[in-house]
Structure formats: structure tokens, C-alpha cells
Amino acid sequence: MQWDDLEQALDDAERVLEPPRPVRVQWSSEWHAPALLHGWQRDEHRGGGWLGCVEYYRQFAPGSGYAVGRWTPVWNIQPLLGRDQ
């Protein structure tokens, strides 16, 4: 699986969510919101048994960025609360 390819990542999903759920996701000690949770995959080695496939926008310079689709451990995913939207 390529890390940033959402479509390819979802090929490995055990459960796909339709429509995707709004969440916030933590990567490198930073919370990204809004993000979308697209699916779940069981993993015995990471994520407490589950990984979520999350899409979020990663900005690398003001006005420049890209969408990222990644599998991340369940403890790095939180429901998006009203104040985070």
C-alpha cells in the first residue's frame, strides 16, 4: 500500500463507511481537522487491533498542500465535535 493513496488504501478496508464520518486525526503530535474516516481494517500489530483509513488535508506552505489518505491507529482518531468543524 502506498501511504498517501486513499483509493488504494481502501482496497484493503474490511469495513467501508458510506458516507465517510467527520473526525480529527493525530499525526506527528499534530491534530488535523476536519478529516474524514473512510473505513476500518483489523491489524494485530498496531492500533489496538484496528486501524482507520483517514483522509485529511496536509498543508506544507501557506496556500499549498495536498489530500492525504492513511491508515492510522484507532487511538489517533476522535469524533469531530461541533467546535472543531
PDB file of N, CA and C in Angstrom:
ATOM      1  N   MET A   1       0.834  -1.180   0.000  1.00  0.00           N
ATOM      2  CA  MET A   1       0.000   0.000   0.000  1.00  0.00           C
ATOM      3  C   MET A   1       0.877   1.241   0.000  1.00  0.00           C
ATOM      4  N   GLN A   2       0.529   2.182  -0.843  1.00  0.00           N
ATOM      5  CA  GLN A   2       1.220   3.465  -0.842  1.00  0.00           C
ATOM      6  C   GLN A   2       0.567   4.341   0.221  1.00  0.00           C
ATOM      7  N   TRP A   3       1.386   4.999   1.053  1.00  0.00           N
ATOM      8  CA  TRP A   3       0.878   5.726   2.220  1.00  0.00           C
ATOM      9  C   TRP A   3      -0.165   6.768   1.892  1.00  0.00           C
ATOM     10  N   ASP A   4      -0.011   7.542   0.819  1.00  0.00           N
ATOM     11  CA  ASP A   4      -0.891   8.676   0.579  1.00  0.00           C
ATOM     12  C   ASP A   4      -1.964   8.414  -0.473  1.00  0.00           C
ATOM     13  N   ASP A   5      -2.167   7.205  -0.885  1.00  0.00           N
ATOM     14  CA  ASP A   5      -3.126   6.880  -1.929  1.00  0.00           C
ATOM     15  C   ASP A   5      -4.413   6.350  -1.295  1.00  0.00           C
ATOM     16  N   LEU A   6      -5.424   7.219  -1.158  1.00  0.00           N
ATOM     17  CA  LEU A   6      -6.669   6.851  -0.485  1.00  0.00           C
ATOM     18  C   LEU A   6      -7.380   5.701  -1.185  1.00  0.00           C
ATOM     19  N   GLU A   7      -7.509   5.780  -2.498  1.00  0.00           N
ATOM     20  CA  GLU A   7      -8.219   4.740  -3.237  1.00  0.00           C
ATOM     21  C   GLU A   7      -7.554   3.377  -3.055  1.00  0.00           C
ATOM     22  N   GLN A   8      -6.247   3.341  -3.133  1.00  0.00           N
ATOM     23  CA  GLN A   8      -5.522   2.086  -2.952  1.00  0.00           C
ATOM     24  C   GLN A   8      -5.643   1.600  -1.512  1.00  0.00           C
ATOM     25  N   ALA A   9      -5.584   2.519  -0.557  1.00  0.00           N
ATOM     26  CA  ALA A   9      -5.711   2.138   0.852  1.00  0.00           C
ATOM     27  C   ALA A   9      -7.067   1.499   1.119  1.00  0.00           C
ATOM     28  N   LEU A  10      -8.122   2.029   0.515  1.00  0.00           N
ATOM     29  CA  LEU A  10      -9.461   1.492   0.756  1.00  0.00           C
ATOM     30  C   LEU A  10      -9.650   0.099   0.166  1.00  0.00           C
ATOM     31  N   ASP A  11      -8.801  -0.298  -0.771  1.00  0.00           N
ATOM     32  CA  ASP A  11      -8.861  -1.671  -1.286  1.00  0.00           C
ATOM     33  C   ASP A  11      -8.626  -2.679  -0.173  1.00  0.00           C
ATOM     34  N   ASP A  12      -7.874  -2.283   0.874  1.00  0.00           N
ATOM     35  CA  ASP A  12      -7.562  -3.174   1.989  1.00  0.00           C
ATOM     36  C   ASP A  12      -8.571  -3.082   3.135  1.00  0.00           C
ATOM     37  N   ALA A  13      -9.565  -2.212   3.027  1.00  0.00           N
ATOM     38  CA  ALA A  13     -10.509  -1.991   4.129  1.00  0.00           C
ATOM     39  C   ALA A  13     -11.414  -3.197   4.334  1.00  0.00           C
ATOM     40  N   GLU A  14     -11.634  -3.548   5.602  1.00  0.00           N
ATOM     41  CA  GLU A  14     -12.602  -4.586   5.939  1.00  0.00           C
ATOM     42  C   GLU A  14     -14.005  -4.012   6.019  1.00  0.00           C
ATOM     43  N   ARG A  15     -14.100  -2.750   6.470  1.00  0.00           N
ATOM     44  CA  ARG A  15     -15.388  -2.064   6.562  1.00  0.00           C
ATOM     45  C   ARG A  15     -15.244  -0.668   5.974  1.00  0.00           C
ATOM     46  N   VAL A  16     -16.022  -0.361   4.955  1.00  0.00           N
ATOM     47  CA  VAL A  16     -16.025   0.968   4.345  1.00  0.00           C
ATOM     48  C   VAL A  16     -17.247   1.717   4.868  1.00  0.00           C
ATOM     49  N   LEU A  17     -17.055   2.972   5.258  1.00  0.00           N
ATOM     50  CA  LEU A  17     -18.141   3.792   5.782  1.00  0.00           C
ATOM     51  C   LEU A  17     -18.710   4.661   4.665  1.00  0.00           C
ATOM     52  N   GLU A  18     -20.001   4.571   4.440  1.00  0.00           N
ATOM     53  CA  GLU A  18     -20.685   5.405   3.446  1.00  0.00           C
ATOM     54  C   GLU A  18     -21.837   6.102   4.122  1.00  0.00           C
ATOM     55  N   PRO A  19     -21.834   7.392   4.211  1.00  0.00           N
ATOM     56  CA  PRO A  19     -20.780   8.315   3.803  1.00  0.00           C
ATOM     57  C   PRO A  19     -19.648   8.313   4.826  1.00  0.00           C
ATOM     58  N   PRO A  20     -18.483   8.838   4.469  1.00  0.00           N
ATOM     59  CA  PRO A  20     -17.380   8.940   5.431  1.00  0.00           C
ATOM     60  C   PRO A  20     -17.790   9.792   6.633  1.00  0.00           C
ATOM     61  N   ARG A  21     -17.214   9.499   7.800  1.00  0.00           N
ATOM     62  CA  ARG A  21     -17.545  10.209   9.044  1.00  0.00           C
ATOM     63  C   ARG A  21     -16.542  11.327   9.319  1.00  0.00           C
ATOM     64  N   PRO A  22     -17.024  12.509   9.751  1.00  0.00           N
ATOM     65  CA  PRO A  22     -16.103  13.594  10.112  1.00  0.00           C
ATOM     66  C   PRO A  22     -15.382  13.279  11.422  1.00  0.00           C
ATOM     67  N   VAL A  23     -14.068  13.419  11.412  1.00  0.00           N
ATOM     68  CA  VAL A  23     -13.229  13.142  12.583  1.00  0.00           C
ATOM     69  C   VAL A  23     -12.087  14.152  12.612  1.00  0.00           C
ATOM     70  N   ARG A  24     -11.286  14.050  13.657  1.00  0.00           N
ATOM     71  CA  ARG A  24      -9.978  14.704  13.662  1.00  0.00           C
ATOM     72  C   ARG A  24      -8.960  13.602  13.865  1.00  0.00           C
ATOM     73  N   VAL A  25      -7.760  13.786  13.309  1.00  0.00           N
ATOM     74  CA  VAL A  25      -6.743  12.739  13.334  1.00  0.00           C
ATOM     75  C   VAL A  25      -5.420  13.332  13.798  1.00  0.00           C
ATOM     76  N   GLN A  26      -4.669  12.543  14.555  1.00  0.00           N
ATOM     77  CA  GLN A  26      -3.373  12.998  15.058  1.00  0.00           C
ATOM     78  C   GLN A  26      -2.253  12.318  14.282  1.00  0.00           C
ATOM     79  N   TRP A  27      -1.351  13.154  13.736  1.00  0.00           N
ATOM     80  CA  TRP A  27      -0.136  12.684  13.067  1.00  0.00           C
ATOM     81  C   TRP A  27       1.011  13.544  13.547  1.00  0.00           C
ATOM     82  N   SER A  28       2.098  12.944  13.949  1.00  0.00           N
ATOM     83  CA  SER A  28       3.299  13.667  14.394  1.00  0.00           C
ATOM     84  C   SER A  28       2.965  14.702  15.463  1.00  0.00           C
ATOM     85  N   SER A  29       2.175  14.297  16.444  1.00  0.00           N
ATOM     86  CA  SER A  29       1.774  15.141  17.583  1.00  0.00           C
ATOM     87  C   SER A  29       0.908  16.331  17.192  1.00  0.00           C
ATOM     88  N   GLU A  30       0.423  16.380  15.959  1.00  0.00           N
ATOM     89  CA  GLU A  30      -0.442  17.463  15.492  1.00  0.00           C
ATOM     90  C   GLU A  30      -1.814  16.901  15.184  1.00  0.00           C
ATOM     91  N   TRP A  31      -2.868  17.611  15.625  1.00  0.00           N
ATOM     92  CA  TRP A  31      -4.232  17.217  15.291  1.00  0.00           C
ATOM     93  C   TRP A  31      -4.654  17.915  14.004  1.00  0.00           C
ATOM     94  N   HIS A  32      -5.234  17.157  13.080  1.00  0.00           N
ATOM     95  CA  HIS A  32      -5.721  17.685  11.807  1.00  0.00           C
ATOM     96  C   HIS A  32      -7.238  17.556  11.787  1.00  0.00           C
ATOM     97  N   ALA A  33      -7.929  18.666  11.528  1.00  0.00           N
ATOM     98  CA  ALA A  33      -9.381  18.657  11.432  1.00  0.00           C
ATOM     99  C   ALA A  33      -9.786  19.778  10.472  1.00  0.00           C
ATOM    100  N   PRO A  34     -10.821  19.587   9.707  1.00  0.00           N
ATOM    101  CA  PRO A  34     -11.604  18.367   9.659  1.00  0.00           C
ATOM    102  C   PRO A  34     -10.902  17.297   8.827  1.00  0.00           C
ATOM    103  N   ALA A  35     -11.248  16.076   9.109  1.00  0.00           N
ATOM    104  CA  ALA A  35     -10.756  14.919   8.364  1.00  0.00           C
ATOM    105  C   ALA A  35     -11.945  13.990   8.160  1.00  0.00           C
ATOM    106  N   LEU A  36     -11.805  13.024   7.277  1.00  0.00           N
ATOM    107  CA  LEU A  36     -12.883  12.072   7.014  1.00  0.00           C
ATOM    108  C   LEU A  36     -12.398  10.651   7.256  1.00  0.00           C
ATOM    109  N   LEU A  37     -13.168   9.897   8.030  1.00  0.00           N
ATOM    110  CA  LEU A  37     -12.888   8.482   8.266  1.00  0.00           C
ATOM    111  C   LEU A  37     -13.634   7.681   7.210  1.00  0.00           C
ATOM    112  N   HIS A  38     -12.894   6.962   6.369  1.00  0.00           N
ATOM    113  CA  HIS A  38     -13.480   6.229   5.243  1.00  0.00           C
ATOM    114  C   HIS A  38     -13.686   4.747   5.516  1.00  0.00           C
ATOM    115  N   GLY A  39     -12.907   4.153   6.427  1.00  0.00           N
ATOM    116  CA  GLY A  39     -13.040   2.715   6.633  1.00  0.00           C
ATOM    117  C   GLY A  39     -12.180   2.219   7.773  1.00  0.00           C
ATOM    118  N   TRP A  40     -12.357   0.929   8.080  1.00  0.00           N
ATOM    119  CA  TRP A  40     -11.613   0.264   9.159  1.00  0.00           C
ATOM    120  C   TRP A  40     -10.945  -0.997   8.629  1.00  0.00           C
ATOM    121  N   GLN A  41      -9.843  -1.334   9.250  1.00  0.00           N
ATOM    122  CA  GLN A  41      -9.104  -2.556   8.926  1.00  0.00           C
ATOM    123  C   GLN A  41      -8.547  -3.128  10.223  1.00  0.00           C
ATOM    124  N   ARG A  42      -8.670  -4.430  10.392  1.00  0.00           N
ATOM    125  CA  ARG A  42      -8.119  -5.093  11.578  1.00  0.00           C
ATOM    126  C   ARG A  42      -6.608  -5.241  11.408  1.00  0.00           C
ATOM    127  N   ASP A  43      -5.872  -4.970  12.494  1.00  0.00           N
ATOM    128  CA  ASP A  43      -4.414  -5.104  12.484  1.00  0.00           C
ATOM    129  C   ASP A  43      -3.978  -5.570  13.861  1.00  0.00           C
ATOM    130  N   GLU A  44      -3.372  -6.714  13.940  1.00  0.00           N
ATOM    131  CA  GLU A  44      -2.978  -7.289  15.229  1.00  0.00           C
ATOM    132  C   GLU A  44      -1.736  -6.640  15.822  1.00  0.00           C
ATOM    133  N   HIS A  45      -0.999  -5.874  15.033  1.00  0.00           N
ATOM    134  CA  HIS A  45       0.276  -5.325  15.498  1.00  0.00           C
ATOM    135  C   HIS A  45       0.214  -3.852  15.870  1.00  0.00           C
ATOM    136  N   ARG A  46      -0.797  -3.127  15.383  1.00  0.00           N
ATOM    137  CA  ARG A  46      -0.911  -1.682  15.645  1.00  0.00           C
ATOM    138  C   ARG A  46      -2.361  -1.327  15.926  1.00  0.00           C
ATOM    139  N   GLY A  47      -2.555  -0.211  16.581  1.00  0.00           N
ATOM    140  CA  GLY A  47      -3.889   0.372  16.691  1.00  0.00           C
ATOM    141  C   GLY A  47      -4.835  -0.334  17.621  1.00  0.00           C
ATOM    142  N   GLY A  48      -4.333  -1.128  18.569  1.00  0.00           N
ATOM    143  CA  GLY A  48      -5.238  -1.812  19.475  1.00  0.00           C
ATOM    144  C   GLY A  48      -6.145  -2.784  18.746  1.00  0.00           C
ATOM    145  N   GLY A  49      -5.679  -3.272  17.609  1.00  0.00           N
ATOM    146  CA  GLY A  49      -6.463  -4.223  16.830  1.00  0.00           C
ATOM    147  C   GLY A  49      -7.166  -3.605  15.633  1.00  0.00           C
ATOM    148  N   TRP A  50      -7.297  -2.265  15.584  1.00  0.00           N
ATOM    149  CA  TRP A  50      -7.991  -1.622  14.472  1.00  0.00           C
ATOM    150  C   TRP A  50      -7.219  -0.409  13.971  1.00  0.00           C
ATOM    151  N   LEU A  51      -7.267  -0.213  12.664  1.00  0.00           N
ATOM    152  CA  LEU A  51      -6.731   0.985  12.022  1.00  0.00           C
ATOM    153  C   LEU A  51      -7.871   1.644  11.257  1.00  0.00           C
ATOM    154  N   GLY A  52      -7.883   2.971  11.245  1.00  0.00           N
ATOM    155  CA  GLY A  52      -8.870   3.703  10.469  1.00  0.00           C
ATOM    156  C   GLY A  52      -8.212   4.334   9.260  1.00  0.00           C
ATOM    157  N   CYS A  53      -8.901   4.315   8.131  1.00  0.00           N
ATOM    158  CA  CYS A  53      -8.399   4.971   6.924  1.00  0.00           C
ATOM    159  C   CYS A  53      -8.955   6.390   6.913  1.00  0.00           C
ATOM    160  N   VAL A  54      -8.068   7.356   7.109  1.00  0.00           N
ATOM    161  CA  VAL A  54      -8.465   8.748   7.286  1.00  0.00           C
ATOM    162  C   VAL A  54      -7.917   9.602   6.146  1.00  0.00           C
ATOM    163  N   GLU A  55      -8.765  10.496   5.650  1.00  0.00           N
ATOM    164  CA  GLU A  55      -8.368  11.464   4.625  1.00  0.00           C
ATOM    165  C   GLU A  55      -8.340  12.844   5.276  1.00  0.00           C
ATOM    166  N   TYR A  56      -7.253  13.548   5.106  1.00  0.00           N
ATOM    167  CA  TYR A  56      -7.179  14.920   5.603  1.00  0.00           C
ATOM    168  C   TYR A  56      -6.293  15.736   4.676  1.00  0.00           C
ATOM    169  N   TYR A  57      -6.349  17.045   4.847  1.00  0.00           N
ATOM    170  CA  TYR A  57      -5.579  17.957   4.014  1.00  0.00           C
ATOM    171  C   TYR A  57      -4.327  18.347   4.767  1.00  0.00           C
ATOM    172  N   ARG A  58      -3.185  18.146   4.171  1.00  0.00           N
ATOM    173  CA  ARG A  58      -1.911  18.485   4.809  1.00  0.00           C
ATOM    174  C   ARG A  58      -1.307  19.685   4.081  1.00  0.00           C
ATOM    175  N   GLN A  59      -1.122  20.767   4.828  1.00  0.00           N
ATOM    176  CA  GLN A  59      -0.562  21.991   4.254  1.00  0.00           C
ATOM    177  C   GLN A  59       0.933  22.019   4.508  1.00  0.00           C
ATOM    178  N   PHE A  60       1.733  22.236   3.453  1.00  0.00           N
ATOM    179  CA  PHE A  60       3.186  22.313   3.625  1.00  0.00           C
ATOM    180  C   PHE A  60       3.708  23.732   3.444  1.00  0.00           C
ATOM    181  N   ALA A  61       2.868  24.635   2.949  1.00  0.00           N
ATOM    182  CA  ALA A  61       3.189  26.060   2.839  1.00  0.00           C
ATOM    183  C   ALA A  61       1.856  26.795   2.723  1.00  0.00           C
ATOM    184  N   PRO A  62       1.788  28.054   3.104  1.00  0.00           N
ATOM    185  CA  PRO A  62       0.523  28.786   3.003  1.00  0.00           C
ATOM    186  C   PRO A  62      -0.063  28.700   1.592  1.00  0.00           C
ATOM    187  N   GLY A  63      -1.284  28.187   1.505  1.00  0.00           N
ATOM    188  CA  GLY A  63      -1.951  28.052   0.219  1.00  0.00           C
ATOM    189  C   GLY A  63      -1.549  26.841  -0.591  1.00  0.00           C
ATOM    190  N   SER A  64      -0.633  26.014  -0.086  1.00  0.00           N
ATOM    191  CA  SER A  64      -0.172  24.823  -0.811  1.00  0.00           C
ATOM    192  C   SER A  64      -0.289  23.601   0.085  1.00  0.00           C
ATOM    193  N   GLY A  65      -0.865  22.559  -0.456  1.00  0.00           N
ATOM    194  CA  GLY A  65      -0.997  21.331   0.316  1.00  0.00           C
ATOM    195  C   GLY A  65      -1.576  20.228  -0.548  1.00  0.00           C
ATOM    196  N   TYR A  66      -1.942  19.137   0.088  1.00  0.00           N
ATOM    197  CA  TYR A  66      -2.482  18.001  -0.640  1.00  0.00           C
ATOM    198  C   TYR A  66      -3.326  17.150   0.295  1.00  0.00           C
ATOM    199  N   ALA A  67      -4.217  16.359  -0.283  1.00  0.00           N
ATOM    200  CA  ALA A  67      -5.040  15.442   0.499  1.00  0.00           C
ATOM    201  C   ALA A  67      -4.233  14.187   0.788  1.00  0.00           C
ATOM    202  N   VAL A  68      -4.357  13.695   2.002  1.00  0.00           N
ATOM    203  CA  VAL A  68      -3.629  12.509   2.442  1.00  0.00           C
ATOM    204  C   VAL A  68      -4.644  11.454   2.857  1.00  0.00           C
ATOM    205  N   GLY A  69      -4.458  10.222   2.420  1.00  0.00           N
ATOM    206  CA  GLY A  69      -5.271   9.098   2.869  1.00  0.00           C
ATOM    207  C   GLY A  69      -4.360   8.082   3.517  1.00  0.00           C
ATOM    208  N   ARG A  70      -4.546   7.852   4.819  1.00  0.00           N
ATOM    209  CA  ARG A  70      -3.623   6.967   5.546  1.00  0.00           C
ATOM    210  C   ARG A  70      -4.355   6.091   6.543  1.00  0.00           C
ATOM    211  N   TRP A  71      -3.754   4.936   6.806  1.00  0.00           N
ATOM    212  CA  TRP A  71      -4.207   4.082   7.902  1.00  0.00           C
ATOM    213  C   TRP A  71      -3.535   4.572   9.173  1.00  0.00           C
ATOM    214  N   THR A  72      -4.312   4.743  10.219  1.00  0.00           N
ATOM    215  CA  THR A  72      -3.778   5.243  11.478  1.00  0.00           C
ATOM    216  C   THR A  72      -4.405   4.480  12.640  1.00  0.00           C
ATOM    217  N   PRO A  73      -3.674   4.271  13.733  1.00  0.00           N
ATOM    218  CA  PRO A  73      -4.218   3.550  14.883  1.00  0.00           C
ATOM    219  C   PRO A  73      -5.462   4.238  15.441  1.00  0.00           C
ATOM    220  N   VAL A  74      -6.365   3.443  15.956  1.00  0.00           N
ATOM    221  CA  VAL A  74      -7.650   3.930  16.448  1.00  0.00           C
ATOM    222  C   VAL A  74      -7.494   5.026  17.503  1.00  0.00           C
ATOM    223  N   TRP A  75      -6.441   4.970  18.326  1.00  0.00           N
ATOM    224  CA  TRP A  75      -6.289   5.991  19.370  1.00  0.00           C
ATOM    225  C   TRP A  75      -5.894   7.358  18.813  1.00  0.00           C
ATOM    226  N   ASN A  76      -5.556   7.453  17.530  1.00  0.00           N
ATOM    227  CA  ASN A  76      -5.235   8.739  16.898  1.00  0.00           C
ATOM    228  C   ASN A  76      -6.432   9.345  16.166  1.00  0.00           C
ATOM    229  N   ILE A  77      -7.620   8.774  16.363  1.00  0.00           N
ATOM    230  CA  ILE A  77      -8.824   9.243  15.679  1.00  0.00           C
ATOM    231  C   ILE A  77      -9.861   9.606  16.731  1.00  0.00           C
ATOM    232  N   GLN A  78     -10.452  10.792  16.597  1.00  0.00           N
ATOM    233  CA  GLN A  78     -11.509  11.228  17.510  1.00  0.00           C
ATOM    234  C   GLN A  78     -12.672  11.783  16.702  1.00  0.00           C
ATOM    235  N   PRO A  79     -13.910  11.558  17.195  1.00  0.00           N
ATOM    236  CA  PRO A  79     -15.062  12.168  16.514  1.00  0.00           C
ATOM    237  C   PRO A  79     -14.893  13.685  16.479  1.00  0.00           C
ATOM    238  N   LEU A  80     -15.361  14.287  15.420  1.00  0.00           N
ATOM    239  CA  LEU A  80     -15.265  15.736  15.293  1.00  0.00           C
ATOM    240  C   LEU A  80     -16.402  16.363  16.084  1.00  0.00           C
ATOM    241  N   LEU A  81     -16.052  17.197  17.053  1.00  0.00           N
ATOM    242  CA  LEU A  81     -17.037  17.885  17.876  1.00  0.00           C
ATOM    243  C   LEU A  81     -17.441  19.182  17.192  1.00  0.00           C
ATOM    244  N   GLY A  82     -18.583  19.721  17.550  1.00  0.00           N
ATOM    245  CA  GLY A  82     -19.103  20.928  16.923  1.00  0.00           C
ATOM    246  C   GLY A  82     -18.105  22.071  16.886  1.00  0.00           C
ATOM    247  N   ARG A  83     -17.315  22.248  17.941  1.00  0.00           N
ATOM    248  CA  ARG A  83     -16.365  23.358  17.995  1.00  0.00           C
ATOM    249  C   ARG A  83     -15.179  23.145  17.053  1.00  0.00           C
ATOM    250  N   ASP A  84     -14.932  21.908  16.610  1.00  0.00           N
ATOM    251  CA  ASP A  84     -13.784  21.605  15.751  1.00  0.00           C
ATOM    252  C   ASP A  84     -14.090  21.778  14.266  1.00  0.00           C
ATOM    253  N   GLN A  85     -15.349  21.911  13.917  1.00  0.00           N
ATOM    254  CA  GLN A  85     -15.716  21.931  12.497  1.00  0.00           C
ATOM    255  C   GLN A  85     -15.408  23.241  11.834  1.00  0.00           C
TER     256      GLN A  85
END
